[in-house]
Amino acid sequence: TPGCYVVTRNLSISAPATYAIHVTASDVTIDLNGFTLKGDSYSIGSGILQALGADRLTVRNGFITGVGHPVMAERKGNRLEDLTVFDCGDATSLGDGALVRGCVFAGHMLNTGS
């Protein structure tokens, strides 16, 4: 369902090929609220995965570390704001028209659409 979802505690991922948050609707904001989304190693799944057909995802205000793909959001109109992303195994991927503001990426790449 579209809307703003606020995280209320640190989140962990420990199983391969999984994700902490799976977004299936358009017009969703995930506010990490200063908390950390953490994996056990770089090869472990995605922090936040956006489903096909779900556009305009905003992820903001927190930390993502130790996951394979911190944010897999390859649809249109996505935003990353005030995030610190570090020690992850692969790139953060964003689709066309993405906006990245006030973020720090250390130890991996940021891929954006054309």
C-alpha atoms as a PDB file:
ATOM      1  CA  THR A   1       0.000   0.000   0.000  1.00  0.00           C
ATOM      2  CA  PRO A   2       1.371   3.492  -0.795  1.00  0.00           C
ATOM      3  CA  GLY A   3       2.462   5.534   2.220  1.00  0.00           C
ATOM      4  CA  CYS A   4       5.260   6.249   4.671  1.00  0.00           C
ATOM      5  CA  TYR A   5       6.644   3.383   6.745  1.00  0.00           C
ATOM      6  CA  VAL A   6       8.894   4.160   9.715  1.00  0.00           C
ATOM      7  CA  VAL A   7      11.377   1.596  11.041  1.00  0.00           C
ATOM      8  CA  THR A   8      11.320   1.280  14.850  1.00  0.00           C
ATOM      9  CA  ARG A   9      14.385  -0.937  15.448  1.00  0.00           C
ATOM     10  CA  ASN A  10      17.556  -2.230  13.793  1.00  0.00           C
ATOM     11  CA  LEU A  11      16.887  -4.895  11.126  1.00  0.00           C
ATOM     12  CA  SER A  12      19.116  -7.903  10.320  1.00  0.00           C
ATOM     13  CA  ILE A  13      19.441 -10.258   7.358  1.00  0.00           C
ATOM     14  CA  SER A  14      21.193 -13.597   7.797  1.00  0.00           C
ATOM     15  CA  ALA A  15      19.847 -15.882   5.053  1.00  0.00           C
ATOM     16  CA  PRO A  16      21.265 -15.775   1.507  1.00  0.00           C
ATOM     17  CA  ALA A  17      19.108 -14.528  -1.392  1.00  0.00           C
ATOM     18  CA  THR A  18      16.659 -12.721   0.881  1.00  0.00           C
ATOM     19  CA  TYR A  19      15.899  -9.091   1.719  1.00  0.00           C
ATOM     20  CA  ALA A  20      14.992  -7.109   4.816  1.00  0.00           C
ATOM     21  CA  ILE A  21      12.310  -5.002   3.146  1.00  0.00           C
ATOM     22  CA  HIS A  22      10.404  -5.833  -0.061  1.00  0.00           C
ATOM     23  CA  VAL A  23       8.451  -2.928  -1.547  1.00  0.00           C
ATOM     24  CA  THR A  24       5.609  -4.007  -3.848  1.00  0.00           C
ATOM     25  CA  ALA A  25       3.612  -0.743  -4.195  1.00  0.00           C
ATOM     26  CA  SER A  26       4.352   2.589  -5.862  1.00  0.00           C
ATOM     27  CA  ASP A  27       4.697   5.834  -3.892  1.00  0.00           C
ATOM     28  CA  VAL A  28       6.283   4.325  -0.785  1.00  0.00           C
ATOM     29  CA  THR A  29       8.664   6.021   1.649  1.00  0.00           C
ATOM     30  CA  ILE A  30      10.822   3.905   3.953  1.00  0.00           C
ATOM     31  CA  ASP A  31      12.139   6.036   6.825  1.00  0.00           C
ATOM     32  CA  LEU A  32      14.891   4.102   8.585  1.00  0.00           C
ATOM     33  CA  ASN A  33      14.490   6.574  11.455  1.00  0.00           C
ATOM     34  CA  GLY A  34      18.230   6.495  12.283  1.00  0.00           C
ATOM     35  CA  PHE A  35      18.302   2.701  12.567  1.00  0.00           C
ATOM     36  CA  THR A  36      20.588   0.223  10.770  1.00  0.00           C
ATOM     37  CA  LEU A  37      19.720  -2.449   8.253  1.00  0.00           C
ATOM     38  CA  LYS A  38      22.560  -4.992   8.637  1.00  0.00           C
ATOM     39  CA  GLY A  39      23.568  -8.207   6.908  1.00  0.00           C
ATOM     40  CA  ASP A  40      26.002 -10.882   8.101  1.00  0.00           C
ATOM     41  CA  SER A  41      28.271 -10.601   5.060  1.00  0.00           C
ATOM     42  CA  TYR A  42      28.466  -8.886   1.690  1.00  0.00           C
ATOM     43  CA  SER A  43      27.054 -11.924  -0.081  1.00  0.00           C
ATOM     44  CA  ILE A  44      23.770 -11.866   1.804  1.00  0.00           C
ATOM     45  CA  GLY A  45      20.750 -10.695  -0.232  1.00  0.00           C
ATOM     46  CA  SER A  46      19.415  -7.168  -0.554  1.00  0.00           C
ATOM     47  CA  GLY A  47      18.674  -4.621   2.104  1.00  0.00           C
ATOM     48  CA  ILE A  48      15.707  -3.122   0.296  1.00  0.00           C
ATOM     49  CA  LEU A  49      14.235  -4.675  -2.853  1.00  0.00           C
ATOM     50  CA  GLN A  50      11.740  -2.856  -5.077  1.00  0.00           C
ATOM     51  CA  ALA A  51       9.330  -5.044  -7.065  1.00  0.00           C
ATOM     52  CA  LEU A  52       8.679  -4.599 -10.770  1.00  0.00           C
ATOM     53  CA  GLY A  53       5.865  -2.126 -11.303  1.00  0.00           C
ATOM     54  CA  ALA A  54       6.496  -0.287  -8.033  1.00  0.00           C
ATOM     55  CA  ASP A  55       7.706   3.243  -8.899  1.00  0.00           C
ATOM     56  CA  ARG A  56       8.732   6.256  -6.814  1.00  0.00           C
ATOM     57  CA  LEU A  57      10.362   4.655  -3.767  1.00  0.00           C
ATOM     58  CA  THR A  58      12.060   6.916  -1.225  1.00  0.00           C
ATOM     59  CA  VAL A  59      14.517   5.473   1.319  1.00  0.00           C
ATOM     60  CA  ARG A  60      15.861   7.864   3.923  1.00  0.00           C
ATOM     61  CA  ASN A  61      17.459   8.592   7.275  1.00  0.00           C
ATOM     62  CA  GLY A  62      19.520   5.553   8.280  1.00  0.00           C
ATOM     63  CA  PHE A  63      22.368   3.131   7.743  1.00  0.00           C
ATOM     64  CA  ILE A  64      22.759   0.050   5.530  1.00  0.00           C
ATOM     65  CA  THR A  65      25.741  -2.271   5.929  1.00  0.00           C
ATOM     66  CA  GLY A  66      26.953  -5.805   5.264  1.00  0.00           C
ATOM     67  CA  VAL A  67      24.456  -6.797   2.555  1.00  0.00           C
ATOM     68  CA  GLY A  68      24.976  -7.828  -1.060  1.00  0.00           C
ATOM     69  CA  HIS A  69      22.855  -5.090  -2.688  1.00  0.00           C
ATOM     70  CA  PRO A  70      21.998  -2.290  -0.247  1.00  0.00           C
ATOM     71  CA  VAL A  71      19.090  -0.946  -2.310  1.00  0.00           C
ATOM     72  CA  MET A  72      17.801  -2.606  -5.493  1.00  0.00           C
ATOM     73  CA  ALA A  73      15.379   0.010  -6.796  1.00  0.00           C
ATOM     74  CA  GLU A  74      15.590   0.012 -10.581  1.00  0.00           C
ATOM     75  CA  ARG A  75      12.168   1.506 -11.297  1.00  0.00           C
ATOM     76  CA  LYS A  76      11.469   5.180 -12.140  1.00  0.00           C
ATOM     77  CA  GLY A  77      11.541   8.206  -9.849  1.00  0.00           C
ATOM     78  CA  ASN A  78      13.308   6.770  -6.790  1.00  0.00           C
ATOM     79  CA  ARG A  79      15.041   8.831  -4.095  1.00  0.00           C
ATOM     80  CA  LEU A  80      17.744   8.130  -1.527  1.00  0.00           C
ATOM     81  CA  GLU A  81      18.127  10.767   1.167  1.00  0.00           C
ATOM     82  CA  ASP A  82      20.412  11.067   4.202  1.00  0.00           C
ATOM     83  CA  LEU A  83      21.684   7.465   4.119  1.00  0.00           C
ATOM     84  CA  THR A  84      25.072   6.045   5.043  1.00  0.00           C
ATOM     85  CA  VAL A  85      25.789   2.863   3.079  1.00  0.00           C
ATOM     86  CA  PHE A  86      29.034   0.968   3.753  1.00  0.00           C
ATOM     87  CA  ASP A  87      30.788  -2.415   3.650  1.00  0.00           C
ATOM     88  CA  CYS A  88      28.351  -3.890   1.139  1.00  0.00           C
ATOM     89  CA  GLY A  89      29.270  -6.434  -1.518  1.00  0.00           C
ATOM     90  CA  ASP A  90      27.671  -4.978  -4.620  1.00  0.00           C
ATOM     91  CA  ALA A  91      26.230  -1.779  -6.014  1.00  0.00           C
ATOM     92  CA  THR A  92      23.179   0.182  -4.980  1.00  0.00           C
ATOM     93  CA  SER A  93      21.051   0.269  -8.149  1.00  0.00           C
ATOM     94  CA  LEU A  94      18.557   2.999  -9.021  1.00  0.00           C
ATOM     95  CA  GLY A  95      16.395   3.503 -12.103  1.00  0.00           C
ATOM     96  CA  ASP A  96      15.867   6.481 -14.406  1.00  0.00           C
ATOM     97  CA  GLY A  97      15.112   9.839 -12.817  1.00  0.00           C
ATOM     98  CA  ALA A  98      16.673   8.923  -9.459  1.00  0.00           C
ATOM     99  CA  LEU A  99      17.645  11.570  -6.914  1.00  0.00           C
ATOM    100  CA  VAL A 100      20.413  10.980  -4.364  1.00  0.00           C
ATOM    101  CA  ARG A 101      20.821  13.651  -1.691  1.00  0.00           C
ATOM    102  CA  GLY A 102      22.888  13.810   1.510  1.00  0.00           C
ATOM    103  CA  CYS A 103      24.122  10.204   1.215  1.00  0.00           C
ATOM    104  CA  VAL A 104      27.513   8.625   1.907  1.00  0.00           C
ATOM    105  CA  PHE A 105      28.523   5.482  -0.018  1.00  0.00           C
ATOM    106  CA  ALA A 106      31.729   3.757   1.118  1.00  0.00           C
ATOM    107  CA  GLY A 107      33.170   0.499  -0.195  1.00  0.00           C
ATOM    108  CA  HIS A 108      30.812  -0.077  -3.156  1.00  0.00           C
ATOM    109  CA  MET A 109      29.322   1.570  -6.226  1.00  0.00           C
ATOM    110  CA  LEU A 110      26.166   3.486  -6.984  1.00  0.00           C
ATOM    111  CA  ASN A 111      24.517   2.618 -10.325  1.00  0.00           C
ATOM    112  CA  THR A 112      21.812   4.820 -11.784  1.00  0.00           C
ATOM    113  CA  GLY A 113      19.653   4.521 -14.906  1.00  0.00           C
ATOM    114  CA  SER A 114      20.450   6.270 -18.155  1.00  0.00           C
END
